[in-house]
Protein backbone atom coordinates (compact mmCIF):
# COMPACT_ATOMS: atom_id res chain seq x y z
CA MET A 1 96.57 28.74 -5.76
CA TYR A 2 97.26 29.84 -2.23
CA ILE A 3 94.43 29.69 0.22
CA GLY A 4 94.91 31.51 3.46
CA PRO A 5 93.99 30.12 6.84
CA GLY A 6 90.21 29.70 7.49
CA LYS A 7 88.19 31.55 10.08
CA LYS A 8 88.37 30.21 13.56
CA LYS A 9 85.11 28.58 14.85
CA ARG A 10 83.35 30.36 17.63
CA ARG A 11 82.79 28.41 20.70
CA SER A 12 79.19 28.34 21.93
CA SER A 13 78.76 30.41 24.98
CA PRO A 14 77.05 28.60 27.87
CA LEU A 15 74.96 31.71 28.44
CA ARG A 16 73.70 31.69 24.83
CA VAL A 17 72.65 28.04 25.10
CA LEU A 18 70.79 28.74 28.33
CA ILE A 19 68.93 31.68 26.79
CA LEU A 20 67.95 29.54 23.77
CA LEU A 21 66.59 26.77 26.00
CA ILE A 22 64.56 29.29 28.00
CA LEU A 23 63.00 30.69 24.77
CA ILE A 24 62.06 27.22 23.52
CA ALA A 25 60.43 26.35 26.84
CA ALA A 26 58.51 29.61 26.85
CA GLY A 27 57.23 28.92 23.31
CA LEU A 28 56.02 25.47 24.25
CA TYR A 29 54.22 26.89 27.28
CA VAL A 30 52.39 29.49 25.13
CA ILE A 31 51.25 26.81 22.68
CA ALA A 32 50.00 24.62 25.51
CA GLN A 33 47.92 27.52 26.89
CA GLN A 34 46.08 28.13 23.57
CA PRO A 35 42.39 27.06 23.41
CA HIS A 36 41.81 23.77 21.59
CA TRP A 37 39.95 25.44 18.71
CA SER A 38 43.00 27.50 17.75
CA ARG A 39 45.33 24.52 17.50
CA PRO A 40 45.96 22.83 14.15
CA PHE A 41 42.98 20.58 13.19
CA ARG A 42 43.65 16.89 12.95
CA PRO A 43 40.60 15.03 11.53
CA THR A 44 39.56 11.95 13.45
CA PRO A 45 38.44 8.92 11.51
CA THR A 46 34.65 8.33 11.44
CA PRO A 47 33.16 4.85 11.19
CA THR A 48 31.57 3.88 7.85
CA ARG A 49 27.77 3.63 8.11
CA THR A 50 26.23 0.21 7.66
CA ALA A 51 23.28 -0.76 5.49
CA GLN A 52 21.38 -1.67 8.66
CA SER A 53 21.75 1.86 10.01
CA TYR A 54 20.11 3.22 6.86
CA LEU A 55 17.29 0.68 7.14
CA VAL A 56 16.62 1.86 10.69
CA GLU A 57 16.78 5.48 9.57
CA GLY A 58 14.37 4.76 6.71
CA GLN A 59 11.83 3.24 9.08
CA ALA A 60 12.08 6.27 11.35
CA PHE A 61 11.46 8.61 8.43
CA PHE A 62 8.50 6.49 7.32
CA ARG A 63 6.92 6.67 10.79
CA GLU A 64 7.19 10.46 10.54
CA GLY A 65 5.58 10.45 7.11
CA LYS A 66 8.78 11.70 5.44
CA LEU A 67 8.58 9.41 2.44
CA ASP A 68 11.19 11.11 0.27
CA GLU A 69 13.78 10.97 3.05
CA ALA A 70 12.90 7.34 3.72
CA ILE A 71 13.31 6.51 0.03
CA GLU A 72 16.76 8.09 0.06
CA ALA A 73 17.77 6.08 3.13
CA TYR A 74 16.67 2.80 1.54
CA GLU A 75 18.54 3.70 -1.64
CA ARG A 76 21.71 4.15 0.42
CA ALA A 77 21.14 0.83 2.20
CA LYS A 78 20.75 -0.87 -1.16
CA GLU A 79 23.99 0.68 -2.44
CA ILE A 80 25.95 -0.56 0.57
CA ASN A 81 24.44 -4.06 0.53
CA PRO A 82 22.87 -4.80 -2.88
CA GLU A 83 22.12 -8.39 -1.86
CA ASP A 84 19.76 -7.53 1.01
CA ALA A 85 16.13 -7.95 -0.09
CA THR A 86 14.77 -5.83 2.79
CA ALA A 87 15.88 -2.52 1.28
CA TYR A 88 14.25 -3.40 -2.06
CA VAL A 89 10.96 -4.38 -0.42
CA ARG A 90 10.66 -1.21 1.65
CA LEU A 91 11.78 0.95 -1.25
CA ALA A 92 9.17 -0.63 -3.55
CA LYS A 93 6.36 0.13 -1.11
CA LEU A 94 7.28 3.81 -0.78
CA LEU A 95 7.82 4.24 -4.52
CA THR A 96 4.31 2.85 -5.02
CA LEU A 97 2.88 5.35 -2.54
CA ARG A 98 4.71 8.10 -4.42
CA GLY A 99 3.10 6.99 -7.70
CA ARG A 100 6.38 5.74 -9.18
CA THR A 101 4.81 2.37 -9.85
CA SER A 102 6.94 1.12 -12.76
CA GLU A 103 10.08 1.68 -10.72
CA ALA A 104 8.42 0.09 -7.70
CA VAL A 105 7.63 -3.06 -9.67
CA ARG A 106 11.28 -3.41 -10.68
CA GLN A 107 12.48 -3.01 -7.09
CA ALA A 108 9.95 -5.54 -5.77
CA GLN A 109 10.85 -8.04 -8.48
CA ARG A 110 14.49 -7.77 -7.45
CA ALA A 111 13.45 -8.33 -3.83
CA VAL A 112 11.73 -11.65 -4.58
CA GLU A 113 14.68 -12.69 -6.73
CA LEU A 114 16.96 -12.18 -3.74
CA ASP A 115 14.54 -13.82 -1.28
CA PRO A 116 12.00 -16.06 -3.03
CA GLU A 117 10.66 -17.29 0.32
CA SER A 118 9.60 -13.83 1.52
CA ALA A 119 5.82 -13.43 1.84
CA GLU A 120 6.30 -9.71 2.43
CA GLY A 121 8.30 -9.40 -0.78
CA TYR A 122 5.54 -11.00 -2.86
CA ALA A 123 2.85 -8.97 -1.07
CA ILE A 124 4.61 -5.68 -1.90
CA LEU A 125 5.19 -6.89 -5.46
CA GLY A 126 1.44 -7.49 -5.67
CA MET A 127 0.75 -3.99 -4.34
CA ALA A 128 3.13 -2.39 -6.87
CA LEU A 129 1.71 -4.41 -9.78
CA ASP A 130 -1.87 -3.53 -8.81
CA TRP A 131 -1.16 0.20 -8.52
CA ASP A 132 0.67 -0.04 -11.86
CA GLY A 133 -2.49 -1.38 -13.50
CA GLN A 134 -1.30 -4.98 -13.79
CA VAL A 135 -4.16 -6.45 -11.80
CA ASP A 136 -3.99 -10.09 -12.92
CA GLU A 137 -0.25 -10.23 -12.21
CA ALA A 138 -0.89 -8.57 -8.83
CA ILE A 139 -3.35 -11.30 -7.83
CA VAL A 140 -0.82 -14.00 -8.73
CA ALA A 141 1.91 -12.33 -6.65
CA CYS A 142 -0.39 -11.85 -3.64
CA LEU A 143 -1.60 -15.45 -3.80
CA GLN A 144 2.04 -16.53 -3.69
CA ALA A 145 2.51 -14.34 -0.59
CA VAL A 146 -0.49 -15.99 1.08
CA LYS A 147 0.86 -19.41 0.16
CA LEU A 148 4.23 -18.60 1.76
CA ASP A 149 2.58 -17.18 4.90
CA PRO A 150 -1.16 -17.84 5.33
CA ASN A 151 -1.13 -15.64 8.46
CA SER A 152 0.28 -12.55 6.74
CA ALA A 153 -2.19 -9.71 7.15
CA ILE A 154 -0.55 -7.55 4.49
CA ALA A 155 -0.61 -10.41 1.98
CA HIS A 156 -4.38 -10.73 2.42
CA ALA A 157 -4.80 -6.93 2.45
CA TYR A 158 -3.09 -6.39 -0.90
CA LEU A 159 -4.82 -9.43 -2.38
CA ALA A 160 -8.17 -7.91 -1.36
CA GLU A 161 -7.26 -4.64 -3.06
CA ALA A 162 -6.37 -6.47 -6.28
CA TYR A 163 -9.58 -8.50 -6.15
CA ALA A 164 -11.54 -5.24 -5.80
CA ASP A 165 -9.78 -3.75 -8.82
CA LYS A 166 -10.66 -6.91 -10.73
CA GLY A 167 -14.32 -6.57 -9.71
CA ARG A 168 -14.39 -9.77 -7.69
CA TRP A 169 -16.39 -8.13 -4.93
CA GLU A 170 -17.31 -11.08 -2.73
CA ARG A 171 -13.77 -12.46 -2.72
CA ALA A 172 -12.36 -8.96 -2.10
CA LEU A 173 -14.52 -8.35 0.97
CA GLU A 174 -13.87 -11.79 2.43
CA THR A 175 -10.11 -11.42 1.97
CA ALA A 176 -10.04 -7.89 3.42
CA GLU A 177 -11.95 -9.00 6.50
CA THR A 178 -9.48 -11.87 6.91
CA ALA A 179 -6.61 -9.37 6.87
CA VAL A 180 -8.18 -7.37 9.71
CA ARG A 181 -8.91 -10.52 11.67
CA LEU A 182 -5.27 -11.61 11.34
CA ASP A 183 -3.94 -8.24 12.55
CA ASP A 184 -6.32 -5.63 13.88
CA ARG A 185 -3.37 -3.22 14.27
CA SER A 186 -2.37 -3.37 10.62
CA VAL A 187 -2.68 -0.05 8.76
CA GLU A 188 -2.77 -1.89 5.43
CA ALA A 189 -5.54 -4.23 6.59
CA HIS A 190 -7.88 -1.42 7.65
CA ARG A 191 -6.95 0.81 4.71
CA ASN A 192 -7.64 -1.95 2.18
CA LEU A 193 -10.87 -3.01 3.83
CA GLY A 194 -11.88 0.63 3.50
CA TYR A 195 -10.86 0.55 -0.16
CA VAL A 196 -12.96 -2.55 -0.85
CA LEU A 197 -15.98 -0.96 0.85
CA GLU A 198 -15.44 2.26 -1.10
CA ARG A 199 -15.33 0.39 -4.41
CA GLN A 200 -18.60 -1.32 -3.47
CA GLY A 201 -20.28 2.01 -2.71
CA ASP A 202 -20.31 1.72 1.08
CA TYR A 203 -18.72 5.14 1.66
CA GLU A 204 -19.64 5.46 5.31
CA GLY A 205 -18.18 2.03 6.03
CA ALA A 206 -15.07 2.98 4.09
CA ILE A 207 -14.68 6.17 6.13
CA ALA A 208 -14.84 4.17 9.37
CA GLN A 209 -12.00 1.91 8.23
CA TYR A 210 -9.89 4.77 6.90
CA GLU A 211 -10.25 6.57 10.22
CA ILE A 212 -8.91 3.50 12.05
CA ALA A 213 -5.97 3.41 9.64
CA VAL A 214 -5.28 7.10 10.31
CA SER A 215 -5.37 6.51 14.06
CA LEU A 216 -2.74 3.78 13.62
CA HIS A 217 -0.45 5.91 11.44
CA PRO A 218 -1.45 9.59 11.45
CA LYS A 219 1.53 10.69 9.34
CA LEU A 220 0.52 9.04 6.05
CA SER A 221 -1.01 11.55 3.65
CA TYR A 222 -2.63 9.02 1.32
CA LEU A 223 -4.91 7.90 4.17
CA TYR A 224 -6.29 11.43 4.51
CA VAL A 225 -6.73 11.55 0.73
CA SER A 226 -8.83 8.39 0.92
CA LEU A 227 -10.95 9.88 3.69
CA GLY A 228 -11.46 13.13 1.80
CA ARG A 229 -12.42 11.32 -1.37
CA ASN A 230 -15.25 9.49 0.40
CA TYR A 231 -16.52 12.60 2.17
CA ARG A 232 -16.66 14.32 -1.24
CA VAL A 233 -18.77 11.50 -2.70
CA LEU A 234 -21.17 11.94 0.22
CA GLY A 235 -21.39 15.67 -0.53
CA ASP A 236 -19.68 16.72 2.70
CA TYR A 237 -17.29 19.18 1.06
CA ASP A 238 -16.19 20.82 4.31
CA GLN A 239 -14.96 17.51 5.72
CA ALA A 240 -13.41 16.56 2.39
CA ILE A 241 -11.47 19.82 2.23
CA ALA A 242 -10.32 19.39 5.84
CA GLN A 243 -8.95 15.92 5.07
CA PHE A 244 -7.12 17.06 1.94
CA GLN A 245 -5.61 19.96 3.89
CA MET A 246 -4.38 17.43 6.47
CA ALA A 247 -2.84 15.39 3.65
CA ILE A 248 -0.93 18.49 2.52
CA GLU A 249 0.11 19.33 6.08
CA VAL A 250 1.63 15.92 6.85
CA ASP A 251 3.31 15.61 3.44
CA PRO A 252 3.78 18.87 1.49
CA ASN A 253 5.74 16.95 -1.19
CA ASN A 254 2.75 14.84 -2.18
CA PRO A 255 0.93 16.46 -5.13
CA GLU A 256 -2.16 14.30 -4.57
CA GLY A 257 -3.34 16.43 -1.66
CA HIS A 258 -3.32 19.62 -3.73
CA ASP A 259 -4.87 17.85 -6.70
CA GLN A 260 -7.76 16.39 -4.71
CA LEU A 261 -8.30 19.65 -2.85
CA GLY A 262 -8.51 21.44 -6.19
CA TRP A 263 -10.87 18.85 -7.60
CA THR A 264 -13.12 19.26 -4.56
CA HIS A 265 -13.24 23.03 -5.05
CA TYR A 266 -14.26 22.32 -8.65
CA HIS A 267 -17.12 20.08 -7.54
CA ARG A 268 -18.16 22.82 -5.17
CA GLY A 269 -18.20 25.35 -8.00
CA ASP A 270 -15.15 27.33 -6.80
CA TYR A 271 -13.28 27.23 -10.11
CA GLU A 272 -10.63 29.81 -9.29
CA LEU A 273 -9.67 28.11 -6.02
CA ALA A 274 -9.60 24.81 -7.90
CA ILE A 275 -7.18 26.18 -10.50
CA ILE A 276 -4.87 27.54 -7.79
CA GLU A 277 -4.61 24.16 -6.04
CA LEU A 278 -4.16 22.20 -9.26
CA LYS A 279 -1.32 24.49 -10.30
CA ARG A 280 0.26 23.90 -6.89
CA ALA A 281 0.05 20.16 -7.47
CA ILE A 282 1.94 20.61 -10.73
CA GLU A 283 4.55 22.80 -9.01
CA VAL A 284 5.14 20.02 -6.46
CA ASP A 285 5.42 17.40 -9.22
CA PRO A 286 5.59 18.62 -12.84
CA GLU A 287 4.92 15.04 -14.00
CA TYR A 288 1.73 14.52 -12.01
CA ALA A 289 -0.51 13.72 -14.97
CA ILE A 290 -3.96 13.76 -13.37
CA ALA A 291 -3.51 17.37 -12.20
CA TYR A 292 -3.05 18.45 -15.83
CA ALA A 293 -6.16 16.46 -16.79
CA HIS A 294 -8.22 18.05 -14.01
CA LEU A 295 -6.92 21.51 -14.91
CA GLY A 296 -7.74 20.98 -18.58
CA THR A 297 -11.24 19.81 -17.68
CA ILE A 298 -11.93 22.93 -15.63
CA TYR A 299 -10.68 25.20 -18.41
CA TYR A 300 -13.01 23.36 -20.81
CA VAL A 301 -16.00 23.90 -18.51
CA LYS A 302 -15.03 27.59 -18.40
CA ARG A 303 -14.87 27.53 -22.25
CA ASN A 304 -11.23 28.49 -22.13
CA TYR A 305 -10.26 26.14 -24.95
CA GLU A 306 -6.83 27.69 -25.52
CA ASP A 307 -5.74 26.56 -22.03
CA THR A 308 -7.68 23.29 -22.17
CA ILE A 309 -5.62 21.97 -25.06
CA PRO A 310 -2.04 22.16 -23.68
CA ASN A 311 -3.06 20.77 -20.29
CA LEU A 312 -4.89 17.76 -21.71
CA GLU A 313 -2.10 17.16 -24.21
CA GLN A 314 0.39 17.12 -21.34
CA ALA A 315 -1.78 14.69 -19.35
CA ILE A 316 -1.95 12.34 -22.33
CA GLU A 317 1.78 12.66 -22.99
CA LEU A 318 2.42 11.65 -19.37
CA GLY A 319 0.44 8.46 -19.88
CA LEU A 320 -3.25 9.12 -19.21
CA ARG A 321 -5.68 7.54 -21.62
CA SER A 322 -9.45 8.01 -21.52
CA GLU A 323 -12.38 8.52 -23.84
CA GLU A 324 -13.29 11.72 -22.01
CA TYR A 325 -9.88 13.34 -22.34
CA TYR A 326 -9.75 12.52 -26.05
CA TYR A 327 -13.17 13.94 -26.92
CA VAL A 328 -12.75 17.04 -24.70
CA LEU A 329 -9.45 17.74 -26.44
CA GLY A 330 -11.06 17.15 -29.83
CA LEU A 331 -14.09 19.33 -29.09
CA SER A 332 -11.81 22.14 -27.88
CA HIS A 333 -10.19 22.18 -31.33
CA VAL A 334 -13.65 22.03 -32.96
CA TYR A 335 -14.82 25.12 -31.07
CA LEU A 336 -11.64 26.92 -32.13
CA GLY A 337 -12.39 26.05 -35.75
CA GLU A 338 -9.51 23.57 -36.00
CA CYS A 339 -11.19 20.45 -37.35
CA ASP A 340 -7.95 19.16 -38.84
CA LYS A 341 -6.54 18.93 -35.31
CA ALA A 342 -9.82 17.82 -33.74
CA ILE A 343 -10.57 14.75 -35.87
CA PRO A 344 -7.61 12.55 -34.73
CA TRP A 345 -8.53 13.04 -31.07
CA LEU A 346 -12.23 12.40 -31.66
CA GLU A 347 -11.40 9.23 -33.56
CA LYS A 348 -9.26 8.04 -30.63
CA ALA A 349 -12.30 8.48 -28.36
CA VAL A 350 -14.42 6.42 -30.76
CA GLU A 351 -11.76 3.69 -30.78
CA ILE A 352 -12.17 3.36 -27.02
CA ASN A 353 -15.97 3.64 -27.13
CA PRO A 354 -17.68 3.32 -30.52
CA ASP A 355 -20.84 4.77 -28.96
CA SER A 356 -19.13 7.89 -27.62
CA GLU A 357 -21.82 10.50 -28.21
CA PRO A 358 -19.66 13.63 -27.62
CA ALA A 359 -17.04 12.33 -30.03
CA ARG A 360 -19.72 11.54 -32.65
CA VAL A 361 -21.13 15.06 -32.29
CA GLY A 362 -17.67 16.53 -32.79
CA LEU A 363 -17.04 14.45 -35.90
CA LYS A 364 -20.44 15.49 -37.29
CA LEU A 365 -19.62 19.16 -36.70
CA CYS A 366 -16.44 18.60 -38.68
CA GLY A 367 -18.36 16.96 -41.51
CA GLU A 368 -17.06 13.47 -40.80
């Protein structure tokens, strides 16, 4: 097949090349004059955070009373460096203050596994065990802390608290006073001396120690709760309410402040205000068992048995056990004519205390 001659190539005109170069230069100039925010974004690499940075952040949050944020920081530190006992120790302490005692015990146990020579680790383990109701085990852990560091104020402070919960009053007071003598600036030492005095009925002495603890760390809500509790025992409801309101102010995420404020209104006879605060406590923490128990008790006093029953059942389901809760729940069913539901609860009260008079009355009303 015949193919004719191809087209001749055009030669580039020098003028065309010059014009093209001028246009390119002009374009580059326009781009250079644009503000930096309109240019294409090129992400710059950011350094990875260290476990130590989260430990520092956690301490800062703790000083501000932001316990939940501090817990999160320590969790992150633990994730980055799971072999560092410090994160576990600090986390265990804050979990205990938040009432998450079973979890706190596990974290503290891991801390002493990682660092068996840490007096602080054993002291916090003792604190967590004591608040979890394992008093004998708490004493053993705290004694180990004292053995590792006889000059540790917190080891003596938590040992004193455990001794008080065991009813060893003389040993508790002596140990608490030792803690303060070792470190007069220790929040734990003054707080736990106050606790020992409170358990022994010296409420004014307890208040004095709690006030020192508050002055040392004014952002900890549980210190205000302790103060308010003692003012309530002394019948000074105005001061008690003021302290519980301070507890709520410094830590709105702590249900204990609302619960104790509600319980104080109840003791004062202001049932409706009490119910409002107790419901707020449950809103803050739907698993805060004692608030359900207090709410159920108030409904019972108001003879509102229909609302007494679900609240006390919830408290028991969340782990509370007491003769009073069992017989109040049983009697509520009795007064509603439900003896078949009442008898099991009344019998549980008798199992705890064979001489439980309210439970015996309820069983008699049901023909048992």
